Amino acid sequence: MADIISSRQINKKDDFMRQFKVLTNLANQEFKNHIISPLTITLGDEFQGVVDSSETLFKLLFFLDESIIATKYSFELRYSMVYGEIETEINKKIAYEMYGSGLTKAREALKNVKLSGDNYFISLNQKTDNQLSLCMKLYQSIKSEWKLSEFEIVSAFLNNNDYKDLKRMGLYKTRSGAWKKGKSLRINEYNIIKQLIFNIIDNE
């Protein structure tokens, strides 16, 4: 589950609800082979869904966050990621009319995490939850420093591994300038955290 952070404070001229729908539809299409019950907007500024693995879950999370950056949307998401039981039959067309302790826990956690100041609640595997939570704290600390005005260059860095590519794109006149900007944005650290998360999941 996820919701839009401080949705009431977002400038309505940004049409963030339309953007939210576009984002969830895009994610459902991109991960259609790994989503069991599609991301479904439930309360206007929240969605829920069911995926097939922890790996898919984090790939989906990074896809959503990086799509927000790439499209320069003005909102940010807060997540509740829970492994738990669903007692009813899973609805494979829309994430409605399902019940279970896993869904209840995820919804309660989403409410509680708003008070903690964190954007990510994880309850997937007792052996790795703490490690993943610490990684996400670092991930959040880096991402929170990126300004909306920097989203274009951040997205370019995330999608281009060679600084020469950024120069060819006209974003920087010199390779040195691109390198300095990438260092100030902590792009390498961001990518290392993502790699570490998947290493932790692979070793569960």
C-alpha atoms as a PDB file:
ATOM      1  CA  MET A   1       0.000   0.000   0.000  1.00  0.00           C
ATOM      2  CA  ALA A   2       1.061   3.598  -0.521  1.00  0.00           C
ATOM      3  CA  ASP A   3      -0.333   7.081  -0.212  1.00  0.00           C
ATOM      4  CA  ILE A   4       0.582  10.554  -1.391  1.00  0.00           C
ATOM      5  CA  ILE A   5       2.432  12.484   1.296  1.00  0.00           C
ATOM      6  CA  SER A   6       0.670  15.703   2.406  1.00  0.00           C
ATOM      7  CA  SER A   7      -1.800  15.488  -0.482  1.00  0.00           C
ATOM      8  CA  ARG A   8      -3.946  18.276   0.991  1.00  0.00           C
ATOM      9  CA  GLN A   9      -1.041  20.689   0.724  1.00  0.00           C
ATOM     10  CA  ILE A  10      -0.298  20.002  -2.943  1.00  0.00           C
ATOM     11  CA  ASN A  11      -1.217  22.746  -5.378  1.00  0.00           C
ATOM     12  CA  LYS A  12      -4.370  21.489  -7.088  1.00  0.00           C
ATOM     13  CA  LYS A  13      -3.237  23.173 -10.317  1.00  0.00           C
ATOM     14  CA  ASP A  14      -0.645  20.402 -10.583  1.00  0.00           C
ATOM     15  CA  ASP A  15      -3.508  17.951 -11.311  1.00  0.00           C
ATOM     16  CA  PHE A  16      -1.782  15.404  -9.108  1.00  0.00           C
ATOM     17  CA  MET A  17      -4.731  12.997  -9.034  1.00  0.00           C
ATOM     18  CA  ARG A  18      -4.591  12.556 -12.810  1.00  0.00           C
ATOM     19  CA  GLN A  19      -0.837  12.067 -12.505  1.00  0.00           C
ATOM     20  CA  PHE A  20      -1.397   9.505  -9.734  1.00  0.00           C
ATOM     21  CA  LYS A  21      -3.706   7.503 -11.986  1.00  0.00           C
ATOM     22  CA  VAL A  22      -1.250   7.679 -14.876  1.00  0.00           C
ATOM     23  CA  LEU A  23       1.541   6.479 -12.585  1.00  0.00           C
ATOM     24  CA  THR A  24      -0.357   3.467 -11.206  1.00  0.00           C
ATOM     25  CA  ASN A  25      -1.567   2.474 -14.685  1.00  0.00           C
ATOM     26  CA  LEU A  26       1.985   2.664 -15.999  1.00  0.00           C
ATOM     27  CA  ALA A  27       3.263   0.489 -13.142  1.00  0.00           C
ATOM     28  CA  ASN A  28       0.506  -2.082 -13.679  1.00  0.00           C
ATOM     29  CA  GLN A  29       1.461  -2.355 -17.335  1.00  0.00           C
ATOM     30  CA  GLU A  30       5.203  -2.530 -16.658  1.00  0.00           C
ATOM     31  CA  PHE A  31       4.837  -5.266 -14.007  1.00  0.00           C
ATOM     32  CA  LYS A  32       1.770  -7.057 -15.359  1.00  0.00           C
ATOM     33  CA  ASN A  33       3.519 -10.444 -15.290  1.00  0.00           C
ATOM     34  CA  HIS A  34       4.432 -10.084 -11.606  1.00  0.00           C
ATOM     35  CA  ILE A  35       1.452  -8.249 -10.117  1.00  0.00           C
ATOM     36  CA  ILE A  36      -1.163 -10.631  -8.704  1.00  0.00           C
ATOM     37  CA  SER A  37      -3.755  -7.961  -7.898  1.00  0.00           C
ATOM     38  CA  PRO A  38      -3.181  -4.651  -9.711  1.00  0.00           C
ATOM     39  CA  LEU A  39      -2.359  -1.372  -8.018  1.00  0.00           C
ATOM     40  CA  THR A  40      -5.777   0.135  -7.367  1.00  0.00           C
ATOM     41  CA  ILE A  41      -6.492   3.633  -6.079  1.00  0.00           C
ATOM     42  CA  THR A  42      -8.771   3.161  -3.085  1.00  0.00           C
ATOM     43  CA  LEU A  43      -9.194   6.399  -1.134  1.00  0.00           C
ATOM     44  CA  GLY A  44      -8.329   9.056  -3.659  1.00  0.00           C
ATOM     45  CA  ASP A  45      -4.710   9.481  -2.611  1.00  0.00           C
ATOM     46  CA  GLU A  46      -3.901   5.842  -1.721  1.00  0.00           C
ATOM     47  CA  PHE A  47      -3.409   2.610  -3.623  1.00  0.00           C
ATOM     48  CA  GLN A  48      -3.073  -1.051  -2.740  1.00  0.00           C
ATOM     49  CA  GLY A  49      -1.999  -4.113  -4.659  1.00  0.00           C
ATOM     50  CA  VAL A  50      -0.503  -7.601  -4.328  1.00  0.00           C
ATOM     51  CA  VAL A  51       2.748  -8.741  -5.970  1.00  0.00           C
ATOM     52  CA  ASP A  52       4.464 -12.102  -6.335  1.00  0.00           C
ATOM     53  CA  SER A  53       7.736 -11.526  -4.446  1.00  0.00           C
ATOM     54  CA  SER A  54       9.880  -9.161  -2.386  1.00  0.00           C
ATOM     55  CA  GLU A  55      12.064  -8.612  -5.448  1.00  0.00           C
ATOM     56  CA  THR A  56       9.084  -7.445  -7.478  1.00  0.00           C
ATOM     57  CA  LEU A  57       7.976  -5.265  -4.582  1.00  0.00           C
ATOM     58  CA  PHE A  58      11.220  -3.286  -4.484  1.00  0.00           C
ATOM     59  CA  LYS A  59      11.559  -3.130  -8.260  1.00  0.00           C
ATOM     60  CA  LEU A  60       8.049  -1.703  -8.316  1.00  0.00           C
ATOM     61  CA  LEU A  61       8.863   0.799  -5.565  1.00  0.00           C
ATOM     62  CA  PHE A  62      11.969   2.067  -7.379  1.00  0.00           C
ATOM     63  CA  PHE A  63      10.040   2.203 -10.643  1.00  0.00           C
ATOM     64  CA  LEU A  64       7.343   4.358  -9.046  1.00  0.00           C
ATOM     65  CA  ASP A  65       9.798   6.693  -7.318  1.00  0.00           C
ATOM     66  CA  GLU A  66      11.987   7.100 -10.390  1.00  0.00           C
ATOM     67  CA  SER A  67       8.963   7.607 -12.658  1.00  0.00           C
ATOM     68  CA  ILE A  68       7.869  10.464 -10.396  1.00  0.00           C
ATOM     69  CA  ILE A  69      11.323  11.986 -10.822  1.00  0.00           C
ATOM     70  CA  ALA A  70      11.399  11.423 -14.595  1.00  0.00           C
ATOM     71  CA  THR A  71       8.004  13.066 -15.095  1.00  0.00           C
ATOM     72  CA  LYS A  72       8.758  15.808 -12.540  1.00  0.00           C
ATOM     73  CA  TYR A  73       5.568  15.163 -10.589  1.00  0.00           C
ATOM     74  CA  SER A  74       5.260  17.334  -7.496  1.00  0.00           C
ATOM     75  CA  PHE A  75       4.159  14.575  -5.087  1.00  0.00           C
ATOM     76  CA  GLU A  76       5.954  11.865  -3.127  1.00  0.00           C
ATOM     77  CA  LEU A  77       4.740   8.456  -1.966  1.00  0.00           C
ATOM     78  CA  ARG A  78       4.840   6.779   1.437  1.00  0.00           C
ATOM     79  CA  TYR A  79       4.804   2.957   1.434  1.00  0.00           C
ATOM     80  CA  SER A  80       3.652   0.081   3.628  1.00  0.00           C
ATOM     81  CA  MET A  81       5.148  -3.223   2.461  1.00  0.00           C
ATOM     82  CA  VAL A  82       3.825  -6.292   4.270  1.00  0.00           C
ATOM     83  CA  TYR A  83       3.960 -10.053   3.780  1.00  0.00           C
ATOM     84  CA  GLY A  84       0.794 -11.538   5.240  1.00  0.00           C
ATOM     85  CA  GLU A  85      -2.267 -13.670   4.782  1.00  0.00           C
ATOM     86  CA  ILE A  86      -5.158 -12.869   2.459  1.00  0.00           C
ATOM     87  CA  GLU A  87      -8.064 -15.051   3.513  1.00  0.00           C
ATOM     88  CA  THR A  88     -10.388 -14.334   0.613  1.00  0.00           C
ATOM     89  CA  GLU A  89      -9.800 -15.192  -3.017  1.00  0.00           C
ATOM     90  CA  ILE A  90      -7.365 -12.733  -4.579  1.00  0.00           C
ATOM     91  CA  ASN A  91      -9.066 -10.413  -7.035  1.00  0.00           C
ATOM     92  CA  LYS A  92      -6.807 -10.434 -10.096  1.00  0.00           C
ATOM     93  CA  LYS A  93      -8.662  -7.637 -11.885  1.00  0.00           C
ATOM     94  CA  ILE A  94      -8.877  -4.963  -9.192  1.00  0.00           C
ATOM     95  CA  ALA A  95      -7.584  -4.776  -5.609  1.00  0.00           C
ATOM     96  CA  TYR A  96     -11.030  -4.683  -4.023  1.00  0.00           C
ATOM     97  CA  GLU A  97     -13.200  -7.076  -2.027  1.00  0.00           C
ATOM     98  CA  MET A  98     -10.290  -8.841  -0.353  1.00  0.00           C
ATOM     99  CA  TYR A  99      -9.751  -9.450   3.333  1.00  0.00           C
ATOM    100  CA  GLY A 100      -6.955 -10.814   5.489  1.00  0.00           C
ATOM    101  CA  SER A 101      -4.528 -10.106   8.307  1.00  0.00           C
ATOM    102  CA  GLY A 102      -1.857  -9.043   5.822  1.00  0.00           C
ATOM    103  CA  LEU A 103      -4.036  -6.312   4.364  1.00  0.00           C
ATOM    104  CA  THR A 104      -5.162  -5.170   7.808  1.00  0.00           C
ATOM    105  CA  LYS A 105      -1.562  -4.945   9.010  1.00  0.00           C
ATOM    106  CA  ALA A 106      -0.496  -3.040   5.908  1.00  0.00           C
ATOM    107  CA  ARG A 107      -3.270  -0.472   6.311  1.00  0.00           C
ATOM    108  CA  GLU A 108      -2.578   0.058  10.021  1.00  0.00           C
ATOM    109  CA  ALA A 109       1.138   0.383   9.307  1.00  0.00           C
ATOM    110  CA  LEU A 110       0.474   3.007   6.633  1.00  0.00           C
ATOM    111  CA  LYS A 111      -1.436   5.061   9.194  1.00  0.00           C
ATOM    112  CA  ASN A 112       1.252   4.684  11.845  1.00  0.00           C
ATOM    113  CA  VAL A 113       4.226   5.385   9.602  1.00  0.00           C
ATOM    114  CA  LYS A 114       2.844   8.866   8.957  1.00  0.00           C
ATOM    115  CA  LEU A 115       3.692   9.691  12.572  1.00  0.00           C
ATOM    116  CA  SER A 116       7.234   8.325  12.428  1.00  0.00           C
ATOM    117  CA  GLY A 117       8.564  10.617   9.723  1.00  0.00           C
ATOM    118  CA  ASP A 118       9.674   7.640   7.643  1.00  0.00           C
ATOM    119  CA  ASN A 119       8.323   6.983   4.166  1.00  0.00           C
ATOM    120  CA  TYR A 120       8.785   3.217   4.179  1.00  0.00           C
ATOM    121  CA  PHE A 121       7.401   0.522   6.493  1.00  0.00           C
ATOM    122  CA  ILE A 122       8.717  -3.005   5.912  1.00  0.00           C
ATOM    123  CA  SER A 123       7.422  -6.254   7.395  1.00  0.00           C
ATOM    124  CA  LEU A 124       8.409  -9.011   4.980  1.00  0.00           C
ATOM    125  CA  ASN A 125      10.877 -11.321   6.714  1.00  0.00           C
ATOM    126  CA  GLN A 126      12.007 -11.067  10.328  1.00  0.00           C
ATOM    127  CA  LYS A 127      15.566 -11.993   9.341  1.00  0.00           C
ATOM    128  CA  THR A 128      15.959  -9.094   6.925  1.00  0.00           C
ATOM    129  CA  ASP A 129      13.348  -6.467   7.859  1.00  0.00           C
ATOM    130  CA  ASN A 130      15.779  -4.451   9.970  1.00  0.00           C
ATOM    131  CA  GLN A 131      18.482  -4.491   7.290  1.00  0.00           C
ATOM    132  CA  LEU A 132      16.036  -3.417   4.605  1.00  0.00           C
ATOM    133  CA  SER A 133      14.575  -0.704   6.840  1.00  0.00           C
ATOM    134  CA  LEU A 134      18.032   0.747   7.476  1.00  0.00           C
ATOM    135  CA  CYS A 135      18.756   0.720   3.748  1.00  0.00           C
ATOM    136  CA  MET A 136      15.509   2.566   3.077  1.00  0.00           C
ATOM    137  CA  LYS A 137      16.399   5.211   5.654  1.00  0.00           C
ATOM    138  CA  LEU A 138      19.586   5.912   3.699  1.00  0.00           C
ATOM    139  CA  TYR A 139      17.642   5.790   0.438  1.00  0.00           C
ATOM    140  CA  GLN A 140      15.135   8.308   1.794  1.00  0.00           C
ATOM    141  CA  SER A 141      17.877  10.613   3.112  1.00  0.00           C
ATOM    142  CA  ILE A 142      19.435  10.852  -0.347  1.00  0.00           C
ATOM    143  CA  LYS A 143      16.202  11.187  -2.283  1.00  0.00           C
ATOM    144  CA  SER A 144      14.819  13.848   0.077  1.00  0.00           C
ATOM    145  CA  GLU A 145      17.714  16.166  -0.841  1.00  0.00           C
ATOM    146  CA  TRP A 146      16.761  16.202  -4.518  1.00  0.00           C
ATOM    147  CA  LYS A 147      14.797  19.300  -5.492  1.00  0.00           C
ATOM    148  CA  LEU A 148      12.038  19.326  -8.084  1.00  0.00           C
ATOM    149  CA  SER A 149      14.190  21.629 -10.204  1.00  0.00           C
ATOM    150  CA  GLU A 150      16.892  18.899 -10.232  1.00  0.00           C
ATOM    151  CA  PHE A 151      14.618  16.028 -11.255  1.00  0.00           C
ATOM    152  CA  GLU A 152      15.555  16.218 -14.942  1.00  0.00           C
ATOM    153  CA  ILE A 153      19.267  15.869 -14.274  1.00  0.00           C
ATOM    154  CA  VAL A 154      18.698  13.213 -11.576  1.00  0.00           C
ATOM    155  CA  SER A 155      16.665  11.152 -14.032  1.00  0.00           C
ATOM    156  CA  ALA A 156      19.381  11.562 -16.652  1.00  0.00           C
ATOM    157  CA  PHE A 157      22.005  10.300 -14.210  1.00  0.00           C
ATOM    158  CA  LEU A 158      19.864   7.305 -13.239  1.00  0.00           C
ATOM    159  CA  ASN A 159      19.377   6.314 -16.864  1.00  0.00           C
ATOM    160  CA  ASN A 160      22.862   7.041 -18.204  1.00  0.00           C
ATOM    161  CA  ASN A 161      25.889   5.367 -16.673  1.00  0.00           C
ATOM    162  CA  ASP A 162      28.453   7.284 -18.700  1.00  0.00           C
ATOM    163  CA  TYR A 163      29.110  10.954 -17.977  1.00  0.00           C
ATOM    164  CA  LYS A 164      29.942  11.410 -21.667  1.00  0.00           C
ATOM    165  CA  ASP A 165      26.301  10.604 -22.453  1.00  0.00           C
ATOM    166  CA  LEU A 166      25.182  13.532 -20.291  1.00  0.00           C
ATOM    167  CA  LYS A 167      27.549  15.802 -22.174  1.00  0.00           C
ATOM    168  CA  ARG A 168      26.132  14.587 -25.495  1.00  0.00           C
ATOM    169  CA  MET A 169      22.628  15.287 -24.175  1.00  0.00           C
ATOM    170  CA  GLY A 170      23.631  18.895 -23.645  1.00  0.00           C
ATOM    171  CA  LEU A 171      23.144  18.782 -19.881  1.00  0.00           C
ATOM    172  CA  TYR A 172      26.773  19.586 -19.147  1.00  0.00           C
ATOM    173  CA  LYS A 173      29.555  21.232 -21.125  1.00  0.00           C
ATOM    174  CA  THR A 174      32.271  19.117 -19.568  1.00  0.00           C
ATOM    175  CA  ARG A 175      32.566  15.613 -18.199  1.00  0.00           C
ATOM    176  CA  SER A 176      34.094  17.104 -15.052  1.00  0.00           C
ATOM    177  CA  GLY A 177      31.028  19.266 -14.470  1.00  0.00           C
ATOM    178  CA  ALA A 178      28.744  16.253 -14.818  1.00  0.00           C
ATOM    179  CA  TRP A 179      30.914  14.228 -12.431  1.00  0.00           C
ATOM    180  CA  LYS A 180      30.804  16.956  -9.772  1.00  0.00           C
ATOM    181  CA  LYS A 181      27.020  17.233 -10.027  1.00  0.00           C
ATOM    182  CA  GLY A 182      26.595  13.478  -9.817  1.00  0.00           C
ATOM    183  CA  LYS A 183      28.764  13.411  -6.714  1.00  0.00           C
ATOM    184  CA  SER A 184      26.785  16.207  -5.034  1.00  0.00           C
ATOM    185  CA  LEU A 185      23.543  14.347  -5.754  1.00  0.00           C
ATOM    186  CA  ARG A 186      25.071  11.130  -4.356  1.00  0.00           C
ATOM    187  CA  ILE A 187      24.010   9.115  -7.385  1.00  0.00           C
ATOM    188  CA  ASN A 188      26.593   6.385  -6.766  1.00  0.00           C
ATOM    189  CA  GLU A 189      25.441   5.953  -3.176  1.00  0.00           C
ATOM    190  CA  TYR A 190      21.829   5.789  -4.344  1.00  0.00           C
ATOM    191  CA  ASN A 191      22.654   2.993  -6.776  1.00  0.00           C
ATOM    192  CA  ILE A 192      24.734   1.144  -4.159  1.00  0.00           C
ATOM    193  CA  ILE A 193      21.782   1.150  -1.753  1.00  0.00           C
ATOM    194  CA  LYS A 194      19.521  -0.311  -4.424  1.00  0.00           C
ATOM    195  CA  GLN A 195      22.073  -3.018  -5.169  1.00  0.00           C
ATOM    196  CA  LEU A 196      22.457  -3.786  -1.469  1.00  0.00           C
ATOM    197  CA  ILE A 197      18.692  -4.170  -1.061  1.00  0.00           C
ATOM    198  CA  PHE A 198      18.503  -6.781  -3.813  1.00  0.00           C
ATOM    199  CA  ASN A 199      21.551  -8.577  -2.403  1.00  0.00           C
ATOM    200  CA  ILE A 200      19.772  -8.812   0.975  1.00  0.00           C
ATOM    201  CA  ILE A 201      16.629 -10.163  -0.686  1.00  0.00           C
ATOM    202  CA  ASP A 202      18.609 -12.723  -2.709  1.00  0.00           C
ATOM    203  CA  ASN A 203      20.168 -14.059   0.489  1.00  0.00           C
ATOM    204  CA  GLU A 204      16.927 -14.448   2.421  1.00  0.00           C
END
